[in-house]
Amino acid sequence: MVEREFWVFAYGSLMWNPGFAWEQRVPARLHGFHRAMCIYSHVWRGTPERPGLVLGLDRGGSCRGLAYRIDPRLEPEVTDYLEARERVTAVYLGKRLAVTLEGAGAAAAKEPPRRALALTYVADRGHHQYAGRLPEAEAARLIRQGRGRGGLNTDYLESAVRHLAALDMPDGPLTRLHRLVREEKR
């Protein structure tokens, strides 16, 4: 009998700052969603009057991230923590989606990659904080103005680009946006 597993898929700050105990961390890919600066931040990196922009999973494409395998006995505790962290304004929807585990020992064993159901948080396109795909100049303007409980929005973008590169998961659109934000600050 296979033990029930509990996985969490991370695509942004949960990748480098999960805030929960985990047993295994592997690169993973989620199909059907992509990482994007598509959420107006009204709390952590902006305010309702001067919103910033933060990452969300939006429909279409695919996203490389990390999957965390967590002791199933910790599922209620971790889920409560993630709900409090990710759903401050309910702009994210918690979903269990199939991910491909890219580094779960399959490559060494020459087996096909393994799939697992993972809890992740996707953008709610019906929420008033859903920004969608903004022109780069508008996205850069919002990021430059954003400041909230978590600090400057420019620091958030810098951290995301730096951490994704360090994890060997560079994100072209985020890197271009980061470059534009830095150029405009000068």
N, C-alpha and C. Protein backbone atom coordinates (compact mmCIF):
# COMPACT_ATOMS: atom_id res chain seq x y z
N MET A 1 0.84 -1.18 0.00
CA MET A 1 0.00 0.00 0.00
C MET A 1 0.89 1.25 0.00
N VAL A 2 0.59 2.19 -0.88
CA VAL A 2 1.34 3.43 -0.98
C VAL A 2 0.81 4.42 0.06
N GLU A 3 1.73 4.96 0.82
CA GLU A 3 1.34 5.96 1.81
C GLU A 3 0.86 7.22 1.10
N ARG A 4 -0.19 7.82 1.62
CA ARG A 4 -0.70 9.08 1.06
C ARG A 4 0.38 10.14 1.21
N GLU A 5 0.58 10.92 0.15
CA GLU A 5 1.60 11.96 0.17
C GLU A 5 0.94 13.33 0.19
N PHE A 6 1.66 14.28 0.75
CA PHE A 6 1.22 15.67 0.75
C PHE A 6 2.35 16.50 0.15
N TRP A 7 2.07 17.13 -1.00
CA TRP A 7 3.03 17.97 -1.71
C TRP A 7 2.52 19.40 -1.78
N VAL A 8 3.43 20.36 -1.79
CA VAL A 8 3.12 21.77 -2.03
C VAL A 8 4.00 22.22 -3.19
N PHE A 9 3.39 22.89 -4.19
CA PHE A 9 4.14 23.43 -5.32
C PHE A 9 4.38 24.92 -5.07
N ALA A 10 5.64 25.33 -5.16
CA ALA A 10 6.04 26.72 -4.94
C ALA A 10 6.60 27.30 -6.23
N TYR A 11 6.23 28.53 -6.54
CA TYR A 11 6.68 29.19 -7.77
C TYR A 11 7.29 30.56 -7.51
N GLY A 12 7.15 31.07 -6.29
CA GLY A 12 7.67 32.40 -5.93
C GLY A 12 8.39 32.30 -4.61
N SER A 13 8.07 33.21 -3.69
CA SER A 13 8.83 33.30 -2.44
C SER A 13 8.77 32.03 -1.59
N LEU A 14 7.76 31.20 -1.77
CA LEU A 14 7.74 29.92 -1.05
C LEU A 14 8.92 29.03 -1.45
N MET A 15 9.52 29.30 -2.62
CA MET A 15 10.66 28.49 -3.06
C MET A 15 11.86 28.71 -2.15
N TRP A 16 12.12 29.93 -1.73
CA TRP A 16 13.29 30.22 -0.92
C TRP A 16 12.94 30.59 0.52
N ASN A 17 11.65 30.71 0.80
CA ASN A 17 11.22 31.02 2.17
C ASN A 17 9.92 30.28 2.45
N PRO A 18 9.97 28.94 2.53
CA PRO A 18 8.72 28.20 2.67
C PRO A 18 8.01 28.43 3.99
N GLY A 19 8.73 28.50 5.09
CA GLY A 19 8.10 28.74 6.38
C GLY A 19 7.44 27.52 7.00
N PHE A 20 7.71 26.34 6.45
CA PHE A 20 7.18 25.09 7.01
C PHE A 20 8.24 24.01 6.88
N ALA A 21 8.08 22.96 7.69
CA ALA A 21 9.01 21.82 7.64
C ALA A 21 8.67 20.94 6.45
N TRP A 22 9.71 20.46 5.78
CA TRP A 22 9.49 19.57 4.63
C TRP A 22 10.49 18.43 4.68
N GLU A 23 10.12 17.33 4.03
CA GLU A 23 10.98 16.13 4.00
C GLU A 23 11.80 16.03 2.74
N GLN A 24 11.27 16.55 1.64
CA GLN A 24 11.95 16.46 0.35
C GLN A 24 11.59 17.69 -0.46
N ARG A 25 12.56 18.20 -1.23
CA ARG A 25 12.34 19.34 -2.12
C ARG A 25 12.93 18.99 -3.47
N VAL A 26 12.11 19.05 -4.51
CA VAL A 26 12.58 18.69 -5.85
C VAL A 26 12.07 19.70 -6.87
N PRO A 27 12.84 19.92 -7.95
CA PRO A 27 12.32 20.74 -9.04
C PRO A 27 11.07 20.08 -9.61
N ALA A 28 10.12 20.91 -10.02
CA ALA A 28 8.87 20.39 -10.55
C ALA A 28 8.33 21.35 -11.60
N ARG A 29 7.45 20.83 -12.43
CA ARG A 29 6.81 21.65 -13.46
C ARG A 29 5.30 21.50 -13.36
N LEU A 30 4.63 22.65 -13.40
CA LEU A 30 3.18 22.69 -13.43
C LEU A 30 2.76 23.11 -14.83
N HIS A 31 1.96 22.29 -15.49
CA HIS A 31 1.45 22.63 -16.82
C HIS A 31 0.09 23.28 -16.70
N GLY A 32 -0.16 24.24 -17.59
CA GLY A 32 -1.45 24.93 -17.61
C GLY A 32 -1.45 26.27 -16.91
N PHE A 33 -0.34 26.60 -16.24
CA PHE A 33 -0.20 27.89 -15.55
C PHE A 33 1.23 28.39 -15.73
N HIS A 34 1.39 29.71 -15.69
CA HIS A 34 2.73 30.30 -15.75
C HIS A 34 2.89 31.34 -14.65
N ARG A 35 4.14 31.58 -14.26
CA ARG A 35 4.48 32.58 -13.24
C ARG A 35 4.37 33.96 -13.90
N ALA A 36 3.70 34.90 -13.22
CA ALA A 36 3.55 36.25 -13.79
C ALA A 36 3.34 37.27 -12.68
N MET A 37 3.77 38.48 -12.94
CA MET A 37 3.48 39.60 -12.04
C MET A 37 2.06 40.05 -12.41
N CYS A 38 1.07 39.37 -11.87
CA CYS A 38 -0.32 39.59 -12.30
C CYS A 38 -1.26 39.92 -11.16
N ILE A 39 -0.72 40.21 -9.97
CA ILE A 39 -1.54 40.50 -8.80
C ILE A 39 -1.20 41.89 -8.27
N TYR A 40 -2.22 42.75 -8.15
CA TYR A 40 -2.01 44.03 -7.49
C TYR A 40 -1.83 43.75 -6.00
N SER A 41 -0.73 44.22 -5.42
CA SER A 41 -0.48 44.02 -4.00
C SER A 41 -1.03 45.20 -3.21
N HIS A 42 -1.96 44.90 -2.30
CA HIS A 42 -2.56 45.93 -1.46
C HIS A 42 -2.09 45.82 -0.01
N VAL A 43 -1.27 44.80 0.31
CA VAL A 43 -0.85 44.60 1.69
C VAL A 43 0.68 44.53 1.79
N TRP A 44 1.30 43.49 1.24
CA TRP A 44 2.72 43.23 1.48
C TRP A 44 3.64 44.13 0.67
N ARG A 45 3.29 44.48 -0.56
CA ARG A 45 4.20 45.28 -1.40
C ARG A 45 3.51 46.50 -2.00
N GLY A 46 2.40 46.91 -1.39
CA GLY A 46 1.69 48.08 -1.84
C GLY A 46 0.51 48.34 -0.93
N THR A 47 -0.32 49.30 -1.32
CA THR A 47 -1.54 49.63 -0.60
C THR A 47 -2.66 49.77 -1.63
N PRO A 48 -3.91 49.80 -1.20
CA PRO A 48 -4.98 50.01 -2.19
C PRO A 48 -4.81 51.33 -2.95
N GLU A 49 -4.28 52.35 -2.28
CA GLU A 49 -4.09 53.65 -2.93
C GLU A 49 -2.87 53.67 -3.86
N ARG A 50 -1.84 52.90 -3.52
CA ARG A 50 -0.61 52.83 -4.32
C ARG A 50 -0.18 51.37 -4.41
N PRO A 51 -0.89 50.62 -5.25
CA PRO A 51 -0.60 49.18 -5.32
C PRO A 51 0.76 48.88 -5.94
N GLY A 52 1.29 47.75 -5.50
CA GLY A 52 2.46 47.19 -6.15
C GLY A 52 2.00 46.00 -6.98
N LEU A 53 2.95 45.20 -7.46
CA LEU A 53 2.63 43.99 -8.23
C LEU A 53 3.42 42.83 -7.65
N VAL A 54 2.76 41.69 -7.52
CA VAL A 54 3.44 40.49 -7.03
C VAL A 54 3.11 39.31 -7.93
N LEU A 55 3.85 38.24 -7.70
CA LEU A 55 3.70 37.04 -8.51
C LEU A 55 2.41 36.30 -8.23
N GLY A 56 1.91 35.69 -9.28
CA GLY A 56 0.80 34.77 -9.19
C GLY A 56 0.97 33.72 -10.27
N LEU A 57 0.22 32.66 -10.16
CA LEU A 57 0.15 31.67 -11.24
C LEU A 57 -1.07 32.02 -12.07
N ASP A 58 -0.84 32.32 -13.34
CA ASP A 58 -1.93 32.68 -14.24
C ASP A 58 -2.09 31.57 -15.28
N ARG A 59 -3.26 31.49 -15.86
CA ARG A 59 -3.57 30.42 -16.82
C ARG A 59 -2.67 30.48 -18.05
N GLY A 60 -2.36 29.29 -18.56
CA GLY A 60 -1.60 29.16 -19.79
C GLY A 60 -0.14 28.85 -19.56
N GLY A 61 0.43 28.10 -20.49
CA GLY A 61 1.86 27.80 -20.44
C GLY A 61 2.21 26.79 -19.37
N SER A 62 3.42 26.93 -18.83
CA SER A 62 3.87 26.05 -17.75
C SER A 62 4.82 26.84 -16.87
N CYS A 63 5.08 26.28 -15.69
CA CYS A 63 5.91 26.97 -14.71
C CYS A 63 6.81 25.96 -14.03
N ARG A 64 8.12 26.27 -14.02
CA ARG A 64 9.05 25.48 -13.21
C ARG A 64 9.11 26.09 -11.83
N GLY A 65 9.11 25.22 -10.85
CA GLY A 65 9.19 25.66 -9.46
C GLY A 65 9.75 24.52 -8.63
N LEU A 66 9.41 24.53 -7.36
CA LEU A 66 9.84 23.48 -6.45
C LEU A 66 8.62 22.81 -5.84
N ALA A 67 8.72 21.50 -5.68
CA ALA A 67 7.69 20.76 -4.97
C ALA A 67 8.27 20.28 -3.65
N TYR A 68 7.53 20.53 -2.61
CA TYR A 68 7.93 20.11 -1.27
C TYR A 68 7.06 18.94 -0.84
N ARG A 69 7.70 17.84 -0.44
CA ARG A 69 6.96 16.71 0.14
C ARG A 69 7.00 16.92 1.65
N ILE A 70 5.81 16.90 2.23
CA ILE A 70 5.65 17.22 3.64
C ILE A 70 5.02 16.02 4.33
N ASP A 71 5.43 15.77 5.55
CA ASP A 71 4.84 14.70 6.35
C ASP A 71 3.32 14.88 6.35
N PRO A 72 2.57 13.90 5.89
CA PRO A 72 1.10 14.04 5.81
C PRO A 72 0.45 14.38 7.15
N ARG A 73 1.09 14.04 8.24
CA ARG A 73 0.53 14.40 9.55
C ARG A 73 0.55 15.90 9.78
N LEU A 74 1.41 16.62 9.04
CA LEU A 74 1.50 18.08 9.18
C LEU A 74 0.58 18.82 8.21
N GLU A 75 -0.17 18.08 7.39
CA GLU A 75 -1.01 18.73 6.38
C GLU A 75 -1.95 19.79 6.96
N PRO A 76 -2.70 19.53 8.03
CA PRO A 76 -3.58 20.58 8.54
C PRO A 76 -2.82 21.84 8.97
N GLU A 77 -1.70 21.65 9.65
CA GLU A 77 -0.90 22.77 10.13
C GLU A 77 -0.31 23.57 8.96
N VAL A 78 0.26 22.88 7.98
CA VAL A 78 0.86 23.56 6.83
C VAL A 78 -0.21 24.24 5.99
N THR A 79 -1.33 23.59 5.80
CA THR A 79 -2.42 24.19 5.02
C THR A 79 -2.93 25.45 5.71
N ASP A 80 -3.10 25.42 7.02
CA ASP A 80 -3.54 26.62 7.75
C ASP A 80 -2.52 27.74 7.59
N TYR A 81 -1.23 27.40 7.71
CA TYR A 81 -0.18 28.40 7.55
C TYR A 81 -0.23 29.03 6.15
N LEU A 82 -0.35 28.18 5.12
CA LEU A 82 -0.39 28.69 3.74
C LEU A 82 -1.64 29.52 3.48
N GLU A 83 -2.76 29.11 4.03
CA GLU A 83 -3.99 29.90 3.86
C GLU A 83 -3.80 31.29 4.46
N ALA A 84 -3.21 31.37 5.65
CA ALA A 84 -2.99 32.66 6.28
C ALA A 84 -1.99 33.51 5.50
N ARG A 85 -0.97 32.88 4.94
CA ARG A 85 0.08 33.59 4.22
C ARG A 85 -0.38 34.02 2.83
N GLU A 86 -1.03 33.13 2.11
CA GLU A 86 -1.35 33.37 0.70
C GLU A 86 -2.71 34.02 0.45
N ARG A 87 -3.61 33.92 1.40
CA ARG A 87 -4.97 34.38 1.14
C ARG A 87 -5.37 35.56 2.02
N VAL A 88 -4.41 36.44 2.30
CA VAL A 88 -4.68 37.63 3.13
C VAL A 88 -5.86 38.40 2.55
N THR A 89 -5.91 38.56 1.23
CA THR A 89 -7.01 39.28 0.59
C THR A 89 -7.81 38.38 -0.36
N ALA A 90 -7.61 37.09 -0.30
CA ALA A 90 -8.36 36.10 -1.08
C ALA A 90 -8.16 36.23 -2.59
N VAL A 91 -7.05 36.82 -3.03
CA VAL A 91 -6.77 36.94 -4.47
C VAL A 91 -6.20 35.65 -5.05
N TYR A 92 -5.77 34.73 -4.18
CA TYR A 92 -5.27 33.44 -4.63
C TYR A 92 -6.27 32.35 -4.24
N LEU A 93 -6.37 31.36 -5.11
CA LEU A 93 -7.22 30.20 -4.85
C LEU A 93 -6.33 29.00 -4.60
N GLY A 94 -6.53 28.32 -3.50
CA GLY A 94 -5.80 27.09 -3.22
C GLY A 94 -6.35 25.96 -4.05
N LYS A 95 -5.48 25.28 -4.80
CA LYS A 95 -5.90 24.17 -5.66
C LYS A 95 -4.91 23.03 -5.53
N ARG A 96 -5.41 21.83 -5.73
CA ARG A 96 -4.53 20.65 -5.82
C ARG A 96 -4.43 20.32 -7.30
N LEU A 97 -3.21 20.49 -7.83
CA LEU A 97 -2.97 20.31 -9.26
C LEU A 97 -1.85 19.30 -9.47
N ALA A 98 -1.88 18.64 -10.60
CA ALA A 98 -0.84 17.66 -10.94
C ALA A 98 0.43 18.39 -11.36
N VAL A 99 1.55 17.99 -10.77
CA VAL A 99 2.86 18.52 -11.14
C VAL A 99 3.75 17.35 -11.53
N THR A 100 4.72 17.65 -12.38
CA THR A 100 5.73 16.67 -12.76
C THR A 100 6.94 16.90 -11.89
N LEU A 101 7.33 15.89 -11.14
CA LEU A 101 8.49 15.98 -10.27
C LEU A 101 9.72 15.68 -11.11
N GLU A 102 10.55 16.68 -11.34
CA GLU A 102 11.68 16.53 -12.24
C GLU A 102 12.92 15.95 -11.58
N GLY A 103 12.99 16.00 -10.27
CA GLY A 103 14.22 15.57 -9.62
C GLY A 103 13.98 14.57 -8.51
N ALA A 104 13.00 13.70 -8.67
CA ALA A 104 12.65 12.77 -7.59
C ALA A 104 13.33 11.42 -7.77
N GLY A 105 14.52 11.42 -8.34
CA GLY A 105 15.25 10.17 -8.51
C GLY A 105 14.97 9.49 -9.83
N ALA A 106 14.03 10.03 -10.61
CA ALA A 106 13.65 9.39 -11.86
C ALA A 106 14.80 9.42 -12.89
N ALA A 107 15.53 10.53 -12.93
CA ALA A 107 16.60 10.65 -13.93
C ALA A 107 17.69 9.61 -13.69
N ALA A 108 18.06 9.44 -12.43
CA ALA A 108 19.11 8.48 -12.11
C ALA A 108 18.67 7.06 -12.43
N ALA A 109 17.40 6.78 -12.25
CA ALA A 109 16.88 5.43 -12.47
C ALA A 109 16.42 5.24 -13.92
N LYS A 110 16.54 6.28 -14.76
CA LYS A 110 16.11 6.24 -16.16
C LYS A 110 14.62 5.89 -16.27
N GLU A 111 13.86 6.32 -15.30
CA GLU A 111 12.41 6.13 -15.32
C GLU A 111 11.76 7.44 -15.77
N PRO A 112 10.54 7.36 -16.26
CA PRO A 112 9.85 8.60 -16.62
C PRO A 112 9.63 9.45 -15.36
N PRO A 113 9.57 10.78 -15.53
CA PRO A 113 9.33 11.63 -14.37
C PRO A 113 8.03 11.25 -13.67
N ARG A 114 8.03 11.39 -12.39
CA ARG A 114 6.87 11.06 -11.58
C ARG A 114 5.93 12.25 -11.47
N ARG A 115 4.65 11.98 -11.39
CA ARG A 115 3.66 13.05 -11.19
C ARG A 115 3.07 12.92 -9.81
N ALA A 116 2.65 14.06 -9.28
CA ALA A 116 2.03 14.08 -7.95
C ALA A 116 1.02 15.21 -7.91
N LEU A 117 0.03 15.08 -7.05
CA LEU A 117 -0.90 16.17 -6.78
C LEU A 117 -0.26 17.08 -5.74
N ALA A 118 -0.29 18.38 -5.99
CA ALA A 118 0.34 19.32 -5.07
C ALA A 118 -0.60 20.49 -4.81
N LEU A 119 -0.63 20.94 -3.58
CA LEU A 119 -1.36 22.15 -3.22
C LEU A 119 -0.56 23.33 -3.74
N THR A 120 -1.24 24.23 -4.43
CA THR A 120 -0.60 25.47 -4.88
C THR A 120 -1.66 26.56 -4.90
N TYR A 121 -1.22 27.78 -5.11
CA TYR A 121 -2.13 28.92 -5.08
C TYR A 121 -2.07 29.65 -6.42
N VAL A 122 -3.22 29.74 -7.08
CA VAL A 122 -3.31 30.35 -8.41
C VAL A 122 -4.10 31.66 -8.31
N ALA A 123 -3.87 32.53 -9.28
CA ALA A 123 -4.56 33.81 -9.31
C ALA A 123 -6.04 33.61 -9.57
N ASP A 124 -6.85 34.32 -8.81
CA ASP A 124 -8.31 34.34 -9.03
C ASP A 124 -8.59 35.47 -10.01
N ARG A 125 -8.86 35.11 -11.26
CA ARG A 125 -9.07 36.11 -12.30
C ARG A 125 -10.31 36.97 -12.07
N GLY A 126 -11.20 36.55 -11.19
CA GLY A 126 -12.39 37.32 -10.89
C GLY A 126 -12.21 38.29 -9.73
N HIS A 127 -11.06 38.27 -9.08
CA HIS A 127 -10.81 39.13 -7.92
C HIS A 127 -10.36 40.52 -8.39
N HIS A 128 -10.77 41.56 -7.66
CA HIS A 128 -10.42 42.93 -8.06
C HIS A 128 -8.91 43.20 -8.02
N GLN A 129 -8.12 42.36 -7.37
CA GLN A 129 -6.67 42.56 -7.36
C GLN A 129 -5.97 41.82 -8.51
N TYR A 130 -6.72 41.13 -9.32
CA TYR A 130 -6.10 40.47 -10.48
C TYR A 130 -5.77 41.53 -11.51
N ALA A 131 -4.49 41.67 -11.84
CA ALA A 131 -4.04 42.68 -12.79
C ALA A 131 -3.98 42.16 -14.21
N GLY A 132 -3.85 40.85 -14.36
CA GLY A 132 -3.69 40.29 -15.70
C GLY A 132 -2.34 40.66 -16.29
N ARG A 133 -2.30 40.65 -17.60
CA ARG A 133 -1.04 40.98 -18.29
C ARG A 133 -1.03 42.47 -18.61
N LEU A 134 -0.19 43.18 -17.88
CA LEU A 134 -0.06 44.62 -18.07
C LEU A 134 1.08 44.93 -19.03
N PRO A 135 1.02 46.07 -19.72
CA PRO A 135 2.19 46.49 -20.50
C PRO A 135 3.39 46.62 -19.55
N GLU A 136 4.58 46.29 -20.03
CA GLU A 136 5.78 46.31 -19.18
C GLU A 136 5.99 47.66 -18.52
N ALA A 137 5.74 48.76 -19.24
CA ALA A 137 5.97 50.09 -18.66
C ALA A 137 5.03 50.33 -17.47
N GLU A 138 3.79 49.88 -17.56
CA GLU A 138 2.84 50.04 -16.45
C GLU A 138 3.23 49.14 -15.28
N ALA A 139 3.63 47.91 -15.58
CA ALA A 139 4.07 47.00 -14.52
C ALA A 139 5.28 47.59 -13.79
N ALA A 140 6.23 48.14 -14.54
CA ALA A 140 7.42 48.74 -13.94
C ALA A 140 7.04 49.93 -13.06
N ARG A 141 6.11 50.75 -13.52
CA ARG A 141 5.67 51.91 -12.73
C ARG A 141 5.07 51.46 -11.40
N LEU A 142 4.21 50.45 -11.44
CA LEU A 142 3.58 49.95 -10.22
C LEU A 142 4.63 49.37 -9.26
N ILE A 143 5.59 48.66 -9.79
CA ILE A 143 6.64 48.06 -8.95
C ILE A 143 7.49 49.15 -8.31
N ARG A 144 7.81 50.19 -9.07
CA ARG A 144 8.61 51.28 -8.51
C ARG A 144 7.87 52.02 -7.39
N GLN A 145 6.54 52.13 -7.49
CA GLN A 145 5.79 52.87 -6.47
C GLN A 145 5.41 52.00 -5.27
N GLY A 146 5.40 50.69 -5.43
CA GLY A 146 4.87 49.80 -4.40
C GLY A 146 5.70 49.73 -3.13
N ARG A 147 5.01 49.89 -2.01
CA ARG A 147 5.62 49.76 -0.69
C ARG A 147 4.50 49.35 0.26
N GLY A 148 4.74 48.25 0.99
CA GLY A 148 3.72 47.76 1.91
C GLY A 148 4.35 47.18 3.16
N ARG A 149 3.58 46.35 3.87
CA ARG A 149 4.06 45.76 5.13
C ARG A 149 5.35 44.96 4.94
N GLY A 150 5.53 44.37 3.77
CA GLY A 150 6.71 43.55 3.50
C GLY A 150 7.89 44.34 2.95
N GLY A 151 7.71 45.64 2.73
CA GLY A 151 8.80 46.47 2.23
C GLY A 151 8.55 46.94 0.80
N LEU A 152 9.65 47.29 0.14
CA LEU A 152 9.59 47.84 -1.21
C LEU A 152 9.28 46.75 -2.24
N ASN A 153 8.46 47.09 -3.20
CA ASN A 153 8.13 46.16 -4.27
C ASN A 153 9.35 45.90 -5.15
N THR A 154 10.23 46.90 -5.30
CA THR A 154 11.45 46.68 -6.08
C THR A 154 12.33 45.61 -5.43
N ASP A 155 12.36 45.58 -4.09
CA ASP A 155 13.14 44.55 -3.40
C ASP A 155 12.54 43.17 -3.63
N TYR A 156 11.23 43.08 -3.67
CA TYR A 156 10.54 41.81 -3.94
C TYR A 156 10.92 41.26 -5.31
N LEU A 157 10.87 42.14 -6.32
CA LEU A 157 11.22 41.72 -7.68
C LEU A 157 12.69 41.32 -7.75
N GLU A 158 13.56 42.11 -7.14
CA GLU A 158 15.00 41.80 -7.12
C GLU A 158 15.24 40.43 -6.49
N SER A 159 14.59 40.18 -5.37
CA SER A 159 14.74 38.90 -4.67
C SER A 159 14.26 37.74 -5.54
N ALA A 160 13.12 37.92 -6.19
CA ALA A 160 12.59 36.85 -7.05
C ALA A 160 13.55 36.52 -8.18
N VAL A 161 14.05 37.53 -8.87
CA VAL A 161 14.96 37.31 -10.00
C VAL A 161 16.25 36.65 -9.52
N ARG A 162 16.80 37.14 -8.41
CA ARG A 162 18.06 36.59 -7.87
C ARG A 162 17.89 35.15 -7.42
N HIS A 163 16.81 34.86 -6.69
CA HIS A 163 16.60 33.50 -6.19
C HIS A 163 16.30 32.52 -7.32
N LEU A 164 15.51 32.93 -8.29
CA LEU A 164 15.22 32.03 -9.42
C LEU A 164 16.49 31.71 -10.19
N ALA A 165 17.36 32.69 -10.39
CA ALA A 165 18.64 32.44 -11.07
C ALA A 165 19.50 31.49 -10.25
N ALA A 166 19.54 31.69 -8.93
CA ALA A 166 20.35 30.82 -8.06
C ALA A 166 19.83 29.38 -8.07
N LEU A 167 18.54 29.21 -8.27
CA LEU A 167 17.94 27.87 -8.34
C LEU A 167 18.02 27.28 -9.75
N ASP A 168 18.70 27.98 -10.66
CA ASP A 168 18.83 27.58 -12.05
C ASP A 168 17.47 27.49 -12.73
N MET A 169 16.59 28.45 -12.39
CA MET A 169 15.27 28.56 -12.99
C MET A 169 15.01 30.00 -13.42
N PRO A 170 15.95 30.59 -14.20
CA PRO A 170 15.75 31.99 -14.57
C PRO A 170 14.43 32.17 -15.33
N ASP A 171 13.83 33.33 -15.13
CA ASP A 171 12.54 33.64 -15.74
C ASP A 171 12.74 34.85 -16.63
N GLY A 172 12.69 34.65 -17.95
CA GLY A 172 12.96 35.72 -18.91
C GLY A 172 12.09 36.95 -18.74
N PRO A 173 10.76 36.81 -18.69
CA PRO A 173 9.92 38.00 -18.52
C PRO A 173 10.20 38.76 -17.22
N LEU A 174 10.44 38.05 -16.13
CA LEU A 174 10.76 38.73 -14.86
C LEU A 174 12.10 39.44 -14.95
N THR A 175 13.07 38.82 -15.60
CA THR A 175 14.39 39.43 -15.75
C THR A 175 14.30 40.70 -16.59
N ARG A 176 13.52 40.66 -17.68
CA ARG A 176 13.33 41.87 -18.51
C ARG A 176 12.65 42.97 -17.70
N LEU A 177 11.63 42.61 -16.93
CA LEU A 177 10.93 43.60 -16.12
C LEU A 177 11.86 44.19 -15.06
N HIS A 178 12.67 43.36 -14.45
CA HIS A 178 13.63 43.81 -13.45
C HIS A 178 14.61 44.81 -14.07
N ARG A 179 15.09 44.49 -15.27
CA ARG A 179 16.02 45.39 -15.96
C ARG A 179 15.35 46.74 -16.23
N LEU A 180 14.11 46.72 -16.67
CA LEU A 180 13.36 47.95 -16.96
C LEU A 180 13.17 48.77 -15.67
N VAL A 181 12.81 48.13 -14.58
CA VAL A 181 12.62 48.82 -13.30
C VAL A 181 13.92 49.47 -12.87
N ARG A 182 15.04 48.77 -12.98
CA ARG A 182 16.35 49.32 -12.58
C ARG A 182 16.75 50.50 -13.46
N GLU A 183 16.53 50.37 -14.77
CA GLU A 183 16.90 51.46 -15.70
C GLU A 183 16.11 52.71 -15.41
N GLU A 184 14.84 52.57 -15.12
CA GLU A 184 13.97 53.72 -14.87
C GLU A 184 14.28 54.38 -13.52
N LYS A 185 14.85 53.63 -12.57
CA LYS A 185 15.18 54.19 -11.25
C LYS A 185 16.36 55.15 -11.33
N ARG A 186 17.19 55.00 -12.33
CA ARG A 186 18.41 55.84 -12.44
C ARG A 186 18.11 57.25 -12.80
